[in-house]
Amino acid sequence: MTKLIARFAKDESGATAIEYGLIAALISVALITGATTLGNSLSNTFNAISTEMNSAENAH
């Protein structure tokens, strides 16, 4: 029984899997944050272009 507990204590494969999971989660959060920021920026840009085009159309 003590050999089983000692072997379990030395086994680090579970810890490695958890570390990889945490790294994947952090990368996912960073990608989602970046995509959201980019999406908002693009939306603002296209809204500004649309406003300018409507102004130019109404000026004629």
PDB file of N, CA and C in Angstrom:
ATOM      1  N   MET A   1       0.826  -1.193   0.000  1.00  0.00           N
ATOM      2  CA  MET A   1       0.000   0.000   0.000  1.00  0.00           C
ATOM      3  C   MET A   1       0.872   1.259   0.000  1.00  0.00           C
ATOM      4  N   THR A   2       1.943   1.245   0.766  1.00  0.00           N
ATOM      5  CA  THR A   2       2.801   2.420   0.811  1.00  0.00           C
ATOM      6  C   THR A   2       3.503   2.636  -0.526  1.00  0.00           C
ATOM      7  N   LYS A   3       3.794   1.544  -1.249  1.00  0.00           N
ATOM      8  CA  LYS A   3       4.402   1.690  -2.578  1.00  0.00           C
ATOM      9  C   LYS A   3       3.435   2.367  -3.541  1.00  0.00           C
ATOM     10  N   LEU A   4       2.163   2.024  -3.428  1.00  0.00           N
ATOM     11  CA  LEU A   4       1.144   2.627  -4.296  1.00  0.00           C
ATOM     12  C   LEU A   4       1.028   4.128  -4.027  1.00  0.00           C
ATOM     13  N   ILE A   5       1.025   4.493  -2.761  1.00  0.00           N
ATOM     14  CA  ILE A   5       0.931   5.915  -2.402  1.00  0.00           C
ATOM     15  C   ILE A   5       2.183   6.660  -2.850  1.00  0.00           C
ATOM     16  N   ALA A   6       3.352   6.061  -2.674  1.00  0.00           N
ATOM     17  CA  ALA A   6       4.597   6.695  -3.093  1.00  0.00           C
ATOM     18  C   ALA A   6       4.633   6.866  -4.603  1.00  0.00           C
ATOM     19  N   ARG A   7       4.163   5.853  -5.346  1.00  0.00           N
ATOM     20  CA  ARG A   7       4.142   5.955  -6.809  1.00  0.00           C
ATOM     21  C   ARG A   7       3.156   7.047  -7.250  1.00  0.00           C
ATOM     22  N   PHE A   8       2.017   7.117  -6.569  1.00  0.00           N
ATOM     23  CA  PHE A   8       1.025   8.148  -6.903  1.00  0.00           C
ATOM     24  C   PHE A   8       1.578   9.541  -6.620  1.00  0.00           C
ATOM     25  N   ALA A   9       2.322   9.692  -5.547  1.00  0.00           N
ATOM     26  CA  ALA A   9       2.892  10.996  -5.192  1.00  0.00           C
ATOM     27  C   ALA A   9       3.957  11.426  -6.195  1.00  0.00           C
ATOM     28  N   LYS A  10       4.676  10.464  -6.764  1.00  0.00           N
ATOM     29  CA  LYS A  10       5.723  10.793  -7.731  1.00  0.00           C
ATOM     30  C   LYS A  10       5.185  11.029  -9.130  1.00  0.00           C
ATOM     31  N   ASP A  11       3.966  10.532  -9.417  1.00  0.00           N
ATOM     32  CA  ASP A  11       3.391  10.662 -10.762  1.00  0.00           C
ATOM     33  C   ASP A  11       2.960  12.106 -10.983  1.00  0.00           C
ATOM     34  N   GLU A  12       3.576  12.767 -11.961  1.00  0.00           N
ATOM     35  CA  GLU A  12       3.266  14.172 -12.239  1.00  0.00           C
ATOM     36  C   GLU A  12       2.507  14.353 -13.539  1.00  0.00           C
ATOM     37  N   SER A  13       2.037  13.281 -14.162  1.00  0.00           N
ATOM     38  CA  SER A  13       1.335  13.414 -15.440  1.00  0.00           C
ATOM     39  C   SER A  13       0.017  14.159 -15.274  1.00  0.00           C
ATOM     40  N   GLY A  14      -0.658  13.978 -14.149  1.00  0.00           N
ATOM     41  CA  GLY A  14      -1.900  14.712 -13.900  1.00  0.00           C
ATOM     42  C   GLY A  14      -1.640  16.197 -13.755  1.00  0.00           C
ATOM     43  N   ALA A  15      -0.577  16.546 -13.058  1.00  0.00           N
ATOM     44  CA  ALA A  15      -0.222  17.962 -12.879  1.00  0.00           C
ATOM     45  C   ALA A  15       0.131  18.592 -14.218  1.00  0.00           C
ATOM     46  N   THR A  16       0.827  17.836 -15.061  1.00  0.00           N
ATOM     47  CA  THR A  16       1.186  18.353 -16.379  1.00  0.00           C
ATOM     48  C   THR A  16      -0.056  18.600 -17.214  1.00  0.00           C
ATOM     49  N   ALA A  17      -1.015  17.686 -17.149  1.00  0.00           N
ATOM     50  CA  ALA A  17      -2.263  17.857 -17.902  1.00  0.00           C
ATOM     51  C   ALA A  17      -3.017  19.092 -17.424  1.00  0.00           C
ATOM     52  N   ILE A  18      -3.025  19.317 -16.120  1.00  0.00           N
ATOM     53  CA  ILE A  18      -3.694  20.505 -15.579  1.00  0.00           C
ATOM     54  C   ILE A  18      -2.989  21.770 -16.049  1.00  0.00           C
ATOM     55  N   GLU A  19      -1.670  21.764 -16.071  1.00  0.00           N
ATOM     56  CA  GLU A  19      -0.918  22.931 -16.544  1.00  0.00           C
ATOM     57  C   GLU A  19      -1.232  23.218 -18.008  1.00  0.00           C
ATOM     58  N   TYR A  20      -1.262  22.183 -18.832  1.00  0.00           N
ATOM     59  CA  TYR A  20      -1.604  22.381 -20.238  1.00  0.00           C
ATOM     60  C   TYR A  20      -3.030  22.916 -20.384  1.00  0.00           C
ATOM     61  N   GLY A  21      -3.921  22.434 -19.567  1.00  0.00           N
ATOM     62  CA  GLY A  21      -5.300  22.929 -19.596  1.00  0.00           C
ATOM     63  C   GLY A  21      -5.375  24.404 -19.233  1.00  0.00           C
ATOM     64  N   LEU A  22      -4.618  24.799 -18.216  1.00  0.00           N
ATOM     65  CA  LEU A  22      -4.602  26.209 -17.814  1.00  0.00           C
ATOM     66  C   LEU A  22      -4.003  27.095 -18.899  1.00  0.00           C
ATOM     67  N   ILE A  23      -2.949  26.621 -19.546  1.00  0.00           N
ATOM     68  CA  ILE A  23      -2.337  27.387 -20.632  1.00  0.00           C
ATOM     69  C   ILE A  23      -3.331  27.536 -21.780  1.00  0.00           C
ATOM     70  N   ALA A  24      -4.027  26.457 -22.125  1.00  0.00           N
ATOM     71  CA  ALA A  24      -5.021  26.517 -23.204  1.00  0.00           C
ATOM     72  C   ALA A  24      -6.147  27.486 -22.851  1.00  0.00           C
ATOM     73  N   ALA A  25      -6.567  27.485 -21.599  1.00  0.00           N
ATOM     74  CA  ALA A  25      -7.630  28.399 -21.172  1.00  0.00           C
ATOM     75  C   ALA A  25      -7.174  29.848 -21.266  1.00  0.00           C
ATOM     76  N   LEU A  26      -5.952  30.133 -20.850  1.00  0.00           N
ATOM     77  CA  LEU A  26      -5.438  31.506 -20.933  1.00  0.00           C
ATOM     78  C   LEU A  26      -5.311  31.970 -22.378  1.00  0.00           C
ATOM     79  N   ILE A  27      -4.859  31.085 -23.254  1.00  0.00           N
ATOM     80  CA  ILE A  27      -4.759  31.437 -24.672  1.00  0.00           C
ATOM     81  C   ILE A  27      -6.140  31.708 -25.240  1.00  0.00           C
ATOM     82  N   SER A  28      -7.125  30.901 -24.852  1.00  0.00           N
ATOM     83  CA  SER A  28      -8.495  31.102 -25.327  1.00  0.00           C
ATOM     84  C   SER A  28      -9.050  32.447 -24.881  1.00  0.00           C
ATOM     85  N   VAL A  29      -8.813  32.790 -23.638  1.00  0.00           N
ATOM     86  CA  VAL A  29      -9.288  34.088 -23.127  1.00  0.00           C
ATOM     87  C   VAL A  29      -8.637  35.231 -23.883  1.00  0.00           C
ATOM     88  N   ALA A  30      -7.339  35.111 -24.151  1.00  0.00           N
ATOM     89  CA  ALA A  30      -6.631  36.156 -24.887  1.00  0.00           C
ATOM     90  C   ALA A  30      -7.177  36.289 -26.305  1.00  0.00           C
ATOM     91  N   LEU A  31      -7.440  35.159 -26.963  1.00  0.00           N
ATOM     92  CA  LEU A  31      -7.982  35.201 -28.328  1.00  0.00           C
ATOM     93  C   LEU A  31      -9.383  35.806 -28.355  1.00  0.00           C
ATOM     94  N   ILE A  32     -10.213  35.436 -27.405  1.00  0.00           N
ATOM     95  CA  ILE A  32     -11.571  35.980 -27.356  1.00  0.00           C
ATOM     96  C   ILE A  32     -11.538  37.476 -27.099  1.00  0.00           C
ATOM     97  N   THR A  33     -10.679  37.908 -26.182  1.00  0.00           N
ATOM     98  CA  THR A  33     -10.554  39.342 -25.886  1.00  0.00           C
ATOM     99  C   THR A  33     -10.072  40.107 -27.112  1.00  0.00           C
ATOM    100  N   GLY A  34      -9.068  39.566 -27.790  1.00  0.00           N
ATOM    101  CA  GLY A  34      -8.551  40.220 -28.988  1.00  0.00           C
ATOM    102  C   GLY A  34      -9.577  40.284 -30.098  1.00  0.00           C
ATOM    103  N   ALA A  35     -10.319  39.202 -30.301  1.00  0.00           N
ATOM    104  CA  ALA A  35     -11.343  39.179 -31.350  1.00  0.00           C
ATOM    105  C   ALA A  35     -12.467  40.159 -31.040  1.00  0.00           C
ATOM    106  N   THR A  36     -12.846  40.261 -29.778  1.00  0.00           N
ATOM    107  CA  THR A  36     -13.896  41.208 -29.390  1.00  0.00           C
ATOM    108  C   THR A  36     -13.449  42.635 -29.626  1.00  0.00           C
ATOM    109  N   THR A  37     -12.230  42.946 -29.240  1.00  0.00           N
ATOM    110  CA  THR A  37     -11.695  44.290 -29.436  1.00  0.00           C
ATOM    111  C   THR A  37     -11.608  44.626 -30.919  1.00  0.00           C
ATOM    112  N   LEU A  38     -11.108  43.690 -31.705  1.00  0.00           N
ATOM    113  CA  LEU A  38     -11.010  43.902 -33.152  1.00  0.00           C
ATOM    114  C   LEU A  38     -12.392  44.085 -33.764  1.00  0.00           C
ATOM    115  N   GLY A  39     -13.357  43.268 -33.327  1.00  0.00           N
ATOM    116  CA  GLY A  39     -14.722  43.381 -33.842  1.00  0.00           C
ATOM    117  C   GLY A  39     -15.333  44.735 -33.538  1.00  0.00           C
ATOM    118  N   ASN A  40     -15.135  45.215 -32.325  1.00  0.00           N
ATOM    119  CA  ASN A  40     -15.669  46.528 -31.957  1.00  0.00           C
ATOM    120  C   ASN A  40     -15.004  47.630 -32.773  1.00  0.00           C
ATOM    121  N   SER A  41     -13.714  47.517 -32.978  1.00  0.00           N
ATOM    122  CA  SER A  41     -12.986  48.509 -33.757  1.00  0.00           C
ATOM    123  C   SER A  41     -13.481  48.525 -35.204  1.00  0.00           C
ATOM    124  N   LEU A  42     -13.654  47.352 -35.792  1.00  0.00           N
ATOM    125  CA  LEU A  42     -14.158  47.275 -37.169  1.00  0.00           C
ATOM    126  C   LEU A  42     -15.568  47.829 -37.275  1.00  0.00           C
ATOM    127  N   SER A  43     -16.394  47.524 -36.293  1.00  0.00           N
ATOM    128  CA  SER A  43     -17.762  48.042 -36.296  1.00  0.00           C
ATOM    129  C   SER A  43     -17.766  49.565 -36.254  1.00  0.00           C
ATOM    130  N   ASN A  44     -16.939  50.151 -35.406  1.00  0.00           N
ATOM    131  CA  ASN A  44     -16.860  51.612 -35.322  1.00  0.00           C
ATOM    132  C   ASN A  44     -16.355  52.214 -36.633  1.00  0.00           C
ATOM    133  N   THR A  45     -15.386  51.555 -37.254  1.00  0.00           N
ATOM    134  CA  THR A  45     -14.844  52.052 -38.526  1.00  0.00           C
ATOM    135  C   THR A  45     -15.901  52.038 -39.615  1.00  0.00           C
ATOM    136  N   PHE A  46     -16.617  50.920 -39.740  1.00  0.00           N
ATOM    137  CA  PHE A  46     -17.648  50.826 -40.771  1.00  0.00           C
ATOM    138  C   PHE A  46     -18.811  51.776 -40.509  1.00  0.00           C
ATOM    139  N   ASN A  47     -19.145  52.003 -39.239  1.00  0.00           N
ATOM    140  CA  ASN A  47     -20.193  52.977 -38.924  1.00  0.00           C
ATOM    141  C   ASN A  47     -19.756  54.384 -39.324  1.00  0.00           C
ATOM    142  N   ALA A  48     -18.495  54.712 -39.095  1.00  0.00           N
ATOM    143  CA  ALA A  48     -17.990  56.034 -39.483  1.00  0.00           C
ATOM    144  C   ALA A  48     -18.010  56.192 -40.999  1.00  0.00           C
ATOM    145  N   ILE A  49     -17.615  55.144 -41.723  1.00  0.00           N
ATOM    146  CA  ILE A  49     -17.629  55.191 -43.188  1.00  0.00           C
ATOM    147  C   ILE A  49     -19.064  55.347 -43.688  1.00  0.00           C
ATOM    148  N   SER A  50     -19.980  54.612 -43.092  1.00  0.00           N
ATOM    149  CA  SER A  50     -21.388  54.702 -43.488  1.00  0.00           C
ATOM    150  C   SER A  50     -21.942  56.109 -43.263  1.00  0.00           C
ATOM    151  N   THR A  51     -21.589  56.701 -42.140  1.00  0.00           N
ATOM    152  CA  THR A  51     -22.045  58.061 -41.842  1.00  0.00           C
ATOM    153  C   THR A  51     -21.495  59.053 -42.859  1.00  0.00           C
ATOM    154  N   GLU A  52     -20.220  58.929 -43.200  1.00  0.00           N
ATOM    155  CA  GLU A  52     -19.612  59.816 -44.191  1.00  0.00           C
ATOM    156  C   GLU A  52     -20.253  59.653 -45.564  1.00  0.00           C
ATOM    157  N   MET A  53     -20.539  58.410 -45.942  1.00  0.00           N
ATOM    158  CA  MET A  53     -21.160  58.163 -47.246  1.00  0.00           C
ATOM    159  C   MET A  53     -22.576  58.729 -47.291  1.00  0.00           C
ATOM    160  N   ASN A  54     -23.322  58.587 -46.193  1.00  0.00           N
ATOM    161  CA  ASN A  54     -24.673  59.152 -46.146  1.00  0.00           C
ATOM    162  C   ASN A  54     -24.620  60.672 -46.200  1.00  0.00           C
ATOM    163  N   SER A  55     -23.621  61.276 -45.544  1.00  0.00           N
ATOM    164  CA  SER A  55     -23.468  62.735 -45.582  1.00  0.00           C
ATOM    165  C   SER A  55     -23.157  63.205 -46.988  1.00  0.00           C
ATOM    166  N   ALA A  56     -22.278  62.488 -47.659  1.00  0.00           N
ATOM    167  CA  ALA A  56     -21.908  62.858 -49.033  1.00  0.00           C
ATOM    168  C   ALA A  56     -23.093  62.691 -49.968  1.00  0.00           C
ATOM    169  N   GLU A  57     -23.906  61.657 -49.771  1.00  0.00           N
ATOM    170  CA  GLU A  57     -25.067  61.433 -50.640  1.00  0.00           C
ATOM    171  C   GLU A  57     -26.113  62.503 -50.438  1.00  0.00           C
ATOM    172  N   ASN A  58     -26.306  62.923 -49.205  1.00  0.00           N
ATOM    173  CA  ASN A  58     -27.309  63.946 -48.903  1.00  0.00           C
ATOM    174  C   ASN A  58     -26.835  65.340 -49.325  1.00  0.00           C
ATOM    175  N   ALA A  59     -25.542  65.547 -49.494  1.00  0.00           N
ATOM    176  CA  ALA A  59     -25.012  66.856 -49.876  1.00  0.00           C
ATOM    177  C   ALA A  59     -25.296  67.148 -51.343  1.00  0.00           C
ATOM    178  N   HIS A  60     -25.488  66.113 -52.146  1.00  0.00           N
ATOM    179  CA  HIS A  60     -25.709  66.350 -53.586  1.00  0.00           C
ATOM    180  C   HIS A  60     -27.134  66.571 -53.866  1.00  0.00           C
TER     181      HIS A  60
END
